[in-house]
Amino acid sequence: MLKAGFHDVAPGMLATTVTHLELTALPDGLEAPVWPDGISVEHVTGMGRERYRALFERVGAEYLWASRLRMSDHDLVEILADPGVEIWVLRAGEADLGICEIDLRFAPEMGELAFFGLDGALQGQGLARPLMAHALIRAFAAPLKRLTVHTCTLDHHAALPFYMRAGFVPTRQEVEIMQDPRLEGLLPESAAPQIPLIRPAG
């Protein structure tokens, strides 16, 4: 456990506070969403790794999502092909603009909303709430005893309150130290300009 006070973070590394949340039942009165014209949600089975990574980066580059970019092709393909992992893609016309990944490999004890997000162009259009309703209905149909999700201080500032409004309850926090993916070449250096990029000396 970290002691109270300040803790140095090495140049080239990032520190973020991760909040873990859980939901133990489908919220009362939750209804399946009706999508506006031109918007659809597609269940993609056996999603190709290139399509997946392109969407993952499109949604998450602004917040330095990097875990699936670091993952080997073999490990990623195994996850995408697993029948216990549901990949739902929010589409505007023919464009992939949102992701909802539900990991049900440990159902019925638990499931995880592994990734959830929209391209920045869709934010503020009222699509996150129906996508969450879709995710919760799908997850608890498994059925599940609990569904978990986590977010961090690198994510959009509205992410944590959004999850709490959806019914998730915070259960614990931890500090994560990770290498800056922009310095690994996983994301362009122009990504997430709101997060300082501090290079190691030399």
Protein backbone atom coordinates (compact mmCIF):
# COMPACT_ATOMS: atom_id res chain seq x y z
CA MET A 1 0.00 0.00 0.00
CA LEU A 2 1.27 3.47 -0.84
CA LYS A 3 1.90 5.74 2.10
CA ALA A 4 0.38 9.21 2.23
CA GLY A 5 2.37 11.83 0.39
CA PHE A 6 3.90 12.42 -3.01
CA HIS A 7 5.59 9.68 -5.03
CA ASP A 8 7.94 10.33 -7.94
CA VAL A 9 7.00 8.94 -11.35
CA ALA A 10 9.90 8.25 -13.68
CA PRO A 11 10.08 10.23 -16.95
CA GLY A 12 8.45 8.28 -19.73
CA MET A 13 5.99 6.66 -17.32
CA LEU A 14 2.41 7.60 -16.46
CA ALA A 15 0.59 7.35 -13.15
CA THR A 16 -3.17 6.99 -12.99
CA THR A 17 -5.72 6.22 -10.29
CA VAL A 18 -7.93 3.29 -11.27
CA THR A 19 -11.43 2.99 -9.81
CA HIS A 20 -13.08 -0.44 -9.84
CA LEU A 21 -16.88 -0.62 -9.79
CA GLU A 22 -19.50 -3.35 -9.78
CA LEU A 23 -23.20 -3.87 -10.40
CA THR A 24 -25.04 -6.82 -8.84
CA ALA A 25 -28.40 -6.64 -10.62
CA LEU A 26 -29.97 -5.17 -13.71
CA PRO A 27 -31.41 -1.73 -12.81
CA ASP A 28 -35.20 -1.71 -12.54
CA GLY A 29 -37.10 -0.50 -15.55
CA LEU A 30 -34.18 -0.68 -17.95
CA GLU A 31 -35.47 -1.05 -21.51
CA ALA A 32 -33.73 -2.13 -24.68
CA PRO A 33 -32.67 0.97 -26.63
CA VAL A 34 -34.22 2.17 -29.87
CA TRP A 35 -31.51 3.53 -32.15
CA PRO A 36 -31.87 6.66 -34.30
CA ASP A 37 -31.75 6.41 -38.09
CA GLY A 38 -28.27 5.65 -39.35
CA ILE A 39 -27.08 4.19 -36.02
CA SER A 40 -26.87 0.47 -35.35
CA VAL A 41 -25.18 -1.94 -32.96
CA GLU A 42 -23.59 -5.04 -34.47
CA HIS A 43 -22.52 -8.17 -32.61
CA VAL A 44 -19.23 -9.05 -34.30
CA THR A 45 -18.11 -12.65 -33.79
CA GLY A 46 -14.52 -13.55 -34.60
CA MET A 47 -13.65 -9.91 -35.17
CA GLY A 48 -10.40 -9.48 -37.06
CA ARG A 49 -7.53 -8.06 -35.04
CA GLU A 50 -6.89 -5.18 -37.47
CA ARG A 51 -10.50 -4.02 -37.39
CA TYR A 52 -10.55 -4.39 -33.62
CA ARG A 53 -7.33 -2.46 -33.06
CA ALA A 54 -8.41 0.30 -35.44
CA LEU A 55 -11.62 0.78 -33.45
CA PHE A 56 -9.83 0.44 -30.11
CA GLU A 57 -7.42 3.20 -31.13
CA ARG A 58 -10.15 5.36 -32.62
CA VAL A 59 -12.12 5.30 -29.38
CA GLY A 60 -9.27 5.21 -26.89
CA ALA A 61 -6.26 7.10 -28.29
CA GLU A 62 -7.44 10.35 -26.71
CA TYR A 63 -7.20 8.64 -23.31
CA LEU A 64 -4.07 6.59 -24.04
CA TRP A 65 -5.78 3.22 -24.13
CA ALA A 66 -2.90 0.88 -24.90
CA SER A 67 -3.46 -2.56 -23.34
CA ARG A 68 -4.78 -4.20 -26.49
CA LEU A 69 -2.20 -2.42 -28.64
CA ARG A 70 0.59 -3.95 -26.53
CA MET A 71 -0.97 -7.41 -26.66
CA SER A 72 0.48 -9.98 -29.04
CA ASP A 73 -1.52 -10.89 -32.15
CA HIS A 74 -1.90 -14.45 -30.85
CA ASP A 75 -3.30 -13.42 -27.48
CA LEU A 76 -5.66 -10.85 -28.99
CA VAL A 77 -7.01 -13.31 -31.57
CA GLU A 78 -7.66 -15.83 -28.79
CA ILE A 79 -9.78 -13.28 -26.92
CA LEU A 80 -11.66 -12.15 -30.01
CA ALA A 81 -12.45 -15.76 -30.96
CA ASP A 82 -13.57 -16.80 -27.47
CA PRO A 83 -17.36 -17.41 -27.38
CA GLY A 84 -17.37 -16.01 -23.83
CA VAL A 85 -16.35 -12.56 -25.09
CA GLU A 86 -19.00 -10.45 -26.84
CA ILE A 87 -17.83 -7.59 -29.05
CA TRP A 88 -20.56 -5.10 -29.92
CA VAL A 89 -19.74 -2.34 -32.39
CA LEU A 90 -21.75 0.87 -32.61
CA ARG A 91 -21.89 1.92 -36.25
CA ALA A 92 -22.88 5.14 -37.97
CA GLY A 93 -23.60 4.03 -41.50
CA GLU A 94 -20.64 1.85 -42.44
CA ALA A 95 -18.22 3.38 -39.92
CA ASP A 96 -17.20 1.70 -36.64
CA LEU A 97 -17.52 4.46 -34.03
CA GLY A 98 -18.11 2.76 -30.69
CA ILE A 99 -17.21 -0.37 -28.79
CA CYS A 100 -18.82 -2.38 -26.04
CA GLU A 101 -16.84 -5.46 -25.02
CA ILE A 102 -18.45 -7.82 -22.50
CA ASP A 103 -16.30 -10.57 -20.99
CA LEU A 104 -18.54 -13.41 -19.80
CA ARG A 105 -15.87 -16.10 -19.53
CA PHE A 106 -16.40 -16.38 -15.77
CA ALA A 107 -20.21 -16.25 -15.79
CA PRO A 108 -22.33 -16.76 -13.78
CA GLU A 109 -20.01 -15.71 -10.93
CA MET A 110 -18.98 -12.49 -12.63
CA GLY A 111 -18.65 -10.65 -15.91
CA GLU A 112 -16.66 -7.60 -16.93
CA LEU A 113 -17.52 -4.65 -19.11
CA ALA A 114 -13.97 -4.75 -20.43
CA PHE A 115 -14.10 -1.78 -22.81
CA PHE A 116 -16.80 0.80 -23.46
CA GLY A 117 -16.49 3.99 -25.43
CA LEU A 118 -17.48 6.15 -28.38
CA ASP A 119 -15.50 8.05 -30.96
CA GLY A 120 -15.22 11.69 -29.91
CA ALA A 121 -17.39 12.74 -32.86
CA LEU A 122 -20.38 10.96 -31.27
CA GLN A 123 -19.95 12.22 -27.73
CA GLY A 124 -22.72 14.52 -26.58
CA GLN A 125 -25.27 12.99 -28.96
CA GLY A 126 -27.00 10.88 -26.32
CA LEU A 127 -25.67 7.54 -27.57
CA ALA A 128 -23.64 6.45 -24.55
CA ARG A 129 -26.70 5.85 -22.36
CA PRO A 130 -28.51 3.50 -24.79
CA LEU A 131 -25.25 1.68 -25.51
CA MET A 132 -24.84 1.12 -21.77
CA ALA A 133 -28.43 -0.11 -21.50
CA HIS A 134 -27.69 -2.57 -24.29
CA ALA A 135 -24.51 -3.72 -22.50
CA LEU A 136 -26.25 -4.28 -19.18
CA ILE A 137 -29.16 -6.18 -20.70
CA ARG A 138 -26.80 -8.42 -22.63
CA ALA A 139 -24.51 -9.03 -19.65
CA PHE A 140 -27.19 -9.93 -17.13
CA ALA A 141 -28.91 -12.23 -19.63
CA ALA A 142 -25.90 -14.54 -19.10
CA PRO A 143 -26.97 -14.61 -16.16
CA LEU A 144 -24.54 -12.94 -13.74
CA LYS A 145 -24.10 -12.42 -10.03
CA ARG A 146 -22.11 -9.25 -10.67
CA LEU A 147 -20.72 -7.15 -13.49
CA THR A 148 -17.52 -5.17 -13.03
CA VAL A 149 -16.00 -2.23 -14.86
CA HIS A 150 -13.04 0.03 -14.21
CA THR A 151 -11.99 3.49 -15.29
CA CYS A 152 -9.02 5.70 -14.53
CA THR A 153 -8.01 9.32 -14.28
CA LEU A 154 -6.66 9.26 -17.84
CA ASP A 155 -10.17 8.56 -19.15
CA HIS A 156 -12.78 11.18 -20.03
CA HIS A 157 -13.72 13.18 -16.93
CA ALA A 158 -17.37 12.09 -17.33
CA ALA A 159 -16.61 8.34 -17.39
CA LEU A 160 -16.71 7.67 -13.64
CA PRO A 161 -19.93 9.62 -12.91
CA PHE A 162 -21.51 8.04 -16.01
CA TYR A 163 -20.84 4.53 -14.67
CA MET A 164 -22.19 5.50 -11.28
CA ARG A 165 -25.38 6.93 -12.82
CA ALA A 166 -25.77 3.61 -14.65
CA GLY A 167 -25.88 1.89 -11.25
CA PHE A 168 -22.27 0.78 -10.77
CA VAL A 169 -20.89 1.17 -7.25
CA PRO A 170 -17.19 1.92 -6.61
CA THR A 171 -15.52 -0.86 -4.64
CA ARG A 172 -11.79 -0.04 -4.57
CA GLN A 173 -9.02 2.08 -6.06
CA GLU A 174 -5.43 1.47 -7.01
CA VAL A 175 -2.59 3.40 -8.61
CA GLU A 176 -1.23 2.11 -11.89
CA ILE A 177 2.20 3.04 -13.26
CA MET A 178 2.64 2.32 -16.95
CA GLN A 179 4.93 3.22 -19.80
CA ASP A 180 3.67 6.09 -21.93
CA PRO A 181 2.38 4.37 -25.10
CA ARG A 182 3.32 7.42 -27.18
CA LEU A 183 6.98 6.77 -26.38
CA GLU A 184 6.58 3.09 -27.27
CA GLY A 185 5.31 3.98 -30.72
CA LEU A 186 1.92 2.41 -30.00
CA LEU A 187 0.16 5.74 -30.40
CA PRO A 188 1.24 8.94 -32.17
CA GLU A 189 2.96 11.53 -30.00
CA SER A 190 0.14 13.92 -30.85
CA ALA A 191 -2.40 11.68 -29.07
CA ALA A 192 -3.94 12.92 -25.81
CA PRO A 193 -2.37 16.40 -25.81
CA GLN A 194 -4.07 17.05 -22.46
CA ILE A 195 -1.72 14.50 -20.85
CA PRO A 196 1.91 15.74 -20.59
CA LEU A 197 4.49 13.69 -22.45
CA ILE A 198 7.71 13.72 -20.37
CA ARG A 199 10.66 12.11 -22.07
CA PRO A 200 13.46 10.36 -20.18
CA ALA A 201 16.72 12.30 -20.18
CA GLY A 202 19.16 11.41 -22.96
